Amino acid sequence: MIEFSWPVRVYYEDTDTGGVVYHTNYLKFMERARTEWLRELGYEQDELKSRYDVIFAVRSVSIDYISPARFNDSLIVSVRVLEQGRASLVLEQAIKRKNESGVLCQGQVKVASLTASAFKPCPLPPNLNQLINSRL
């Protein structure tokens, strides 16, 4: 699949007292990029919930912190589908500084498709499933 990228700026609130991005904030940056990736595909999360009774929940995360991001850095967060199941996606995500090739942080995120009303696994909406599958 074509890699999707989203820019993120590191704010002071994202850092610890040393000016380094606090480890959990990388997960927030990745979450924002996944939301924007869905938006780029033409799907808003609130519309998925209201129209299809579908929400996405993170089932597992594996993350490697390689090099620190710092206050005021311009970052690029990428999203790429590694696997597509009937009711799940495995996404590869990486965070780099803008205009640099080295990866600061990378991870795999498994996302489950659930019914919003019962929090039970459910298939991805057919149109979204086809759209993702066509880009693999």
C-alpha atoms as a PDB file:
ATOM      1  CA  MET A   1       0.000   0.000   0.000  1.00  0.00           C
ATOM      2  CA  ILE A   2       1.037   3.539  -0.595  1.00  0.00           C
ATOM      3  CA  GLU A   3       2.436   5.071   2.541  1.00  0.00           C
ATOM      4  CA  PHE A   4       0.415   7.899   4.046  1.00  0.00           C
ATOM      5  CA  SER A   5       2.289  10.684   5.859  1.00  0.00           C
ATOM      6  CA  TRP A   6       1.078  13.337   8.286  1.00  0.00           C
ATOM      7  CA  PRO A   7       3.060  16.293   9.702  1.00  0.00           C
ATOM      8  CA  VAL A   8       3.233  16.853  13.461  1.00  0.00           C
ATOM      9  CA  ARG A   9       4.968  19.644  15.386  1.00  0.00           C
ATOM     10  CA  VAL A  10       6.406  18.869  18.819  1.00  0.00           C
ATOM     11  CA  TYR A  11       4.991  21.280  21.386  1.00  0.00           C
ATOM     12  CA  TYR A  12       6.410  21.986  24.811  1.00  0.00           C
ATOM     13  CA  GLU A  13       3.533  20.013  26.365  1.00  0.00           C
ATOM     14  CA  ASP A  14       4.736  16.920  24.444  1.00  0.00           C
ATOM     15  CA  THR A  15       8.123  16.902  26.161  1.00  0.00           C
ATOM     16  CA  ASP A  16       9.596  16.026  29.516  1.00  0.00           C
ATOM     17  CA  THR A  17      11.805  18.360  31.572  1.00  0.00           C
ATOM     18  CA  GLY A  18      14.752  17.574  29.288  1.00  0.00           C
ATOM     19  CA  GLY A  19      12.902  18.810  26.196  1.00  0.00           C
ATOM     20  CA  VAL A  20      12.573  15.275  24.806  1.00  0.00           C
ATOM     21  CA  VAL A  21       9.227  13.883  23.620  1.00  0.00           C
ATOM     22  CA  TYR A  22       7.674  11.821  26.408  1.00  0.00           C
ATOM     23  CA  HIS A  23       7.393   8.190  25.303  1.00  0.00           C
ATOM     24  CA  THR A  24       3.585   7.943  25.345  1.00  0.00           C
ATOM     25  CA  ASN A  25       3.215  10.987  23.109  1.00  0.00           C
ATOM     26  CA  TYR A  26       4.630   9.039  20.160  1.00  0.00           C
ATOM     27  CA  LEU A  27       1.495   6.887  20.436  1.00  0.00           C
ATOM     28  CA  LYS A  28      -0.639  10.037  20.293  1.00  0.00           C
ATOM     29  CA  PHE A  29       1.187  11.183  17.159  1.00  0.00           C
ATOM     30  CA  MET A  30       0.563   7.765  15.594  1.00  0.00           C
ATOM     31  CA  GLU A  31      -3.131   7.924  16.537  1.00  0.00           C
ATOM     32  CA  ARG A  32      -3.479  11.317  14.847  1.00  0.00           C
ATOM     33  CA  ALA A  33      -1.843   9.971  11.693  1.00  0.00           C
ATOM     34  CA  ARG A  34      -4.226   6.972  11.612  1.00  0.00           C
ATOM     35  CA  THR A  35      -7.206   9.310  11.943  1.00  0.00           C
ATOM     36  CA  GLU A  36      -5.913  11.478   9.100  1.00  0.00           C
ATOM     37  CA  TRP A  37      -5.201   8.372   7.000  1.00  0.00           C
ATOM     38  CA  LEU A  38      -8.850   7.327   7.369  1.00  0.00           C
ATOM     39  CA  ARG A  39      -9.922  10.877   6.525  1.00  0.00           C
ATOM     40  CA  GLU A  40      -7.736  10.763   3.395  1.00  0.00           C
ATOM     41  CA  LEU A  41      -9.562   7.554   2.409  1.00  0.00           C
ATOM     42  CA  GLY A  42     -12.856   9.439   2.783  1.00  0.00           C
ATOM     43  CA  TYR A  43     -13.949   8.102   6.175  1.00  0.00           C
ATOM     44  CA  GLU A  44     -14.511  10.079   9.352  1.00  0.00           C
ATOM     45  CA  GLN A  45     -14.527   8.072  12.574  1.00  0.00           C
ATOM     46  CA  ASP A  46     -17.756   9.656  13.819  1.00  0.00           C
ATOM     47  CA  GLU A  47     -19.450   8.799  10.505  1.00  0.00           C
ATOM     48  CA  LEU A  48     -18.243   5.197  10.720  1.00  0.00           C
ATOM     49  CA  LYS A  49     -19.876   5.004  14.130  1.00  0.00           C
ATOM     50  CA  SER A  50     -23.170   6.649  13.184  1.00  0.00           C
ATOM     51  CA  ARG A  51     -23.571   5.088   9.732  1.00  0.00           C
ATOM     52  CA  TYR A  52     -22.058   1.606  10.198  1.00  0.00           C
ATOM     53  CA  ASP A  53     -22.015   1.170  14.009  1.00  0.00           C
ATOM     54  CA  VAL A  54     -18.249   0.626  13.678  1.00  0.00           C
ATOM     55  CA  ILE A  55     -15.420   1.884  15.827  1.00  0.00           C
ATOM     56  CA  PHE A  56     -11.744   0.968  15.860  1.00  0.00           C
ATOM     57  CA  ALA A  57      -9.905  -0.102  18.979  1.00  0.00           C
ATOM     58  CA  VAL A  58      -6.191  -0.667  19.341  1.00  0.00           C
ATOM     59  CA  ARG A  59      -5.700  -4.332  20.189  1.00  0.00           C
ATOM     60  CA  SER A  60      -1.902  -4.353  20.437  1.00  0.00           C
ATOM     61  CA  VAL A  61       1.099  -2.135  19.908  1.00  0.00           C
ATOM     62  CA  SER A  62       4.760  -2.967  19.442  1.00  0.00           C
ATOM     63  CA  ILE A  63       6.975   0.108  19.462  1.00  0.00           C
ATOM     64  CA  ASP A  64      10.707   0.801  19.203  1.00  0.00           C
ATOM     65  CA  TYR A  65      12.168   4.099  20.359  1.00  0.00           C
ATOM     66  CA  ILE A  66      15.338   4.669  18.346  1.00  0.00           C
ATOM     67  CA  SER A  67      16.271   8.316  18.725  1.00  0.00           C
ATOM     68  CA  PRO A  68      14.590  11.183  20.590  1.00  0.00           C
ATOM     69  CA  ALA A  69      12.406  13.856  19.079  1.00  0.00           C
ATOM     70  CA  ARG A  70      12.725  17.227  20.777  1.00  0.00           C
ATOM     71  CA  PHE A  71      10.755  20.377  21.454  1.00  0.00           C
ATOM     72  CA  ASN A  72       9.819  22.254  18.266  1.00  0.00           C
ATOM     73  CA  ASP A  73      10.841  19.452  15.888  1.00  0.00           C
ATOM     74  CA  SER A  74       8.794  19.082  12.722  1.00  0.00           C
ATOM     75  CA  LEU A  75       7.942  15.407  12.395  1.00  0.00           C
ATOM     76  CA  ILE A  76       6.420  13.207   9.721  1.00  0.00           C
ATOM     77  CA  VAL A  77       4.311  10.276  10.911  1.00  0.00           C
ATOM     78  CA  SER A  78       3.628   7.531   8.380  1.00  0.00           C
ATOM     79  CA  VAL A  79       0.969   4.831   8.133  1.00  0.00           C
ATOM     80  CA  ARG A  80       1.146   1.737   5.970  1.00  0.00           C
ATOM     81  CA  VAL A  81      -1.125  -1.333   5.994  1.00  0.00           C
ATOM     82  CA  LEU A  82       0.827  -4.551   6.543  1.00  0.00           C
ATOM     83  CA  GLU A  83      -2.113  -6.943   6.933  1.00  0.00           C
ATOM     84  CA  GLN A  84      -5.828  -6.721   6.408  1.00  0.00           C
ATOM     85  CA  GLY A  85      -8.096  -9.189   8.137  1.00  0.00           C
ATOM     86  CA  ARG A  86     -11.873  -9.450   8.056  1.00  0.00           C
ATOM     87  CA  ALA A  87     -12.195  -7.396  11.250  1.00  0.00           C
ATOM     88  CA  SER A  88      -8.692  -6.062  11.803  1.00  0.00           C
ATOM     89  CA  LEU A  89      -5.759  -4.189  10.357  1.00  0.00           C
ATOM     90  CA  VAL A  90      -2.072  -4.386  11.163  1.00  0.00           C
ATOM     91  CA  LEU A  91      -0.449  -1.033  10.477  1.00  0.00           C
ATOM     92  CA  GLU A  92       3.209  -0.119  10.326  1.00  0.00           C
ATOM     93  CA  GLN A  93       3.962   3.373  11.564  1.00  0.00           C
ATOM     94  CA  ALA A  94       7.172   5.378  11.669  1.00  0.00           C
ATOM     95  CA  ILE A  95       8.108   8.819  12.921  1.00  0.00           C
ATOM     96  CA  LYS A  96      10.920  10.831  11.340  1.00  0.00           C
ATOM     97  CA  ARG A  97      12.076  14.406  11.471  1.00  0.00           C
ATOM     98  CA  LYS A  98      10.957  16.365   8.439  1.00  0.00           C
ATOM     99  CA  ASN A  99      13.601  16.297   5.700  1.00  0.00           C
ATOM    100  CA  GLU A 100      15.624  13.571   7.456  1.00  0.00           C
ATOM    101  CA  SER A 101      15.746   9.882   6.602  1.00  0.00           C
ATOM    102  CA  GLY A 102      16.479   8.376  10.015  1.00  0.00           C
ATOM    103  CA  VAL A 103      13.578   6.844  11.921  1.00  0.00           C
ATOM    104  CA  LEU A 104      13.073   8.162  15.462  1.00  0.00           C
ATOM    105  CA  CYS A 105      10.337   5.745  16.449  1.00  0.00           C
ATOM    106  CA  GLN A 106       8.583   2.884  14.690  1.00  0.00           C
ATOM    107  CA  GLY A 107       5.872   0.466  15.564  1.00  0.00           C
ATOM    108  CA  GLN A 108       3.190  -1.959  14.547  1.00  0.00           C
ATOM    109  CA  VAL A 109      -0.371  -1.320  15.621  1.00  0.00           C
ATOM    110  CA  LYS A 110      -3.129  -3.922  15.384  1.00  0.00           C
ATOM    111  CA  VAL A 111      -6.538  -2.290  15.193  1.00  0.00           C
ATOM    112  CA  ALA A 112      -9.784  -4.221  15.651  1.00  0.00           C
ATOM    113  CA  SER A 113     -13.080  -3.276  14.036  1.00  0.00           C
ATOM    114  CA  LEU A 114     -15.840  -3.386  16.665  1.00  0.00           C
ATOM    115  CA  THR A 115     -19.544  -2.657  16.795  1.00  0.00           C
ATOM    116  CA  ALA A 116     -19.977   0.615  18.655  1.00  0.00           C
ATOM    117  CA  SER A 117     -23.160  -0.631  20.300  1.00  0.00           C
ATOM    118  CA  ALA A 118     -21.803  -3.901  21.723  1.00  0.00           C
ATOM    119  CA  PHE A 119     -17.994  -3.701  21.470  1.00  0.00           C
ATOM    120  CA  LYS A 120     -17.976  -7.005  19.583  1.00  0.00           C
ATOM    121  CA  PRO A 121     -15.692  -7.731  16.596  1.00  0.00           C
ATOM    122  CA  CYS A 122     -17.292  -6.974  13.238  1.00  0.00           C
ATOM    123  CA  PRO A 123     -16.157  -6.846   9.622  1.00  0.00           C
ATOM    124  CA  LEU A 124     -14.772  -3.640   8.217  1.00  0.00           C
ATOM    125  CA  PRO A 125     -17.452  -1.736   6.289  1.00  0.00           C
ATOM    126  CA  PRO A 126     -17.498  -3.237   2.759  1.00  0.00           C
ATOM    127  CA  ASN A 127     -16.565  -0.037   0.900  1.00  0.00           C
ATOM    128  CA  LEU A 128     -13.680   0.704   3.268  1.00  0.00           C
ATOM    129  CA  ASN A 129     -12.536  -2.906   3.092  1.00  0.00           C
ATOM    130  CA  GLN A 130     -12.487  -2.786  -0.723  1.00  0.00           C
ATOM    131  CA  LEU A 131     -10.709   0.571  -0.759  1.00  0.00           C
ATOM    132  CA  ILE A 132      -7.935  -0.610   1.544  1.00  0.00           C
ATOM    133  CA  ASN A 133      -7.651  -3.916  -0.312  1.00  0.00           C
ATOM    134  CA  SER A 134      -7.305  -2.113  -3.657  1.00  0.00           C
ATOM    135  CA  ARG A 135      -4.309  -0.195  -2.318  1.00  0.00           C
ATOM    136  CA  LEU A 136      -2.394  -3.165  -0.906  1.00  0.00           C
END
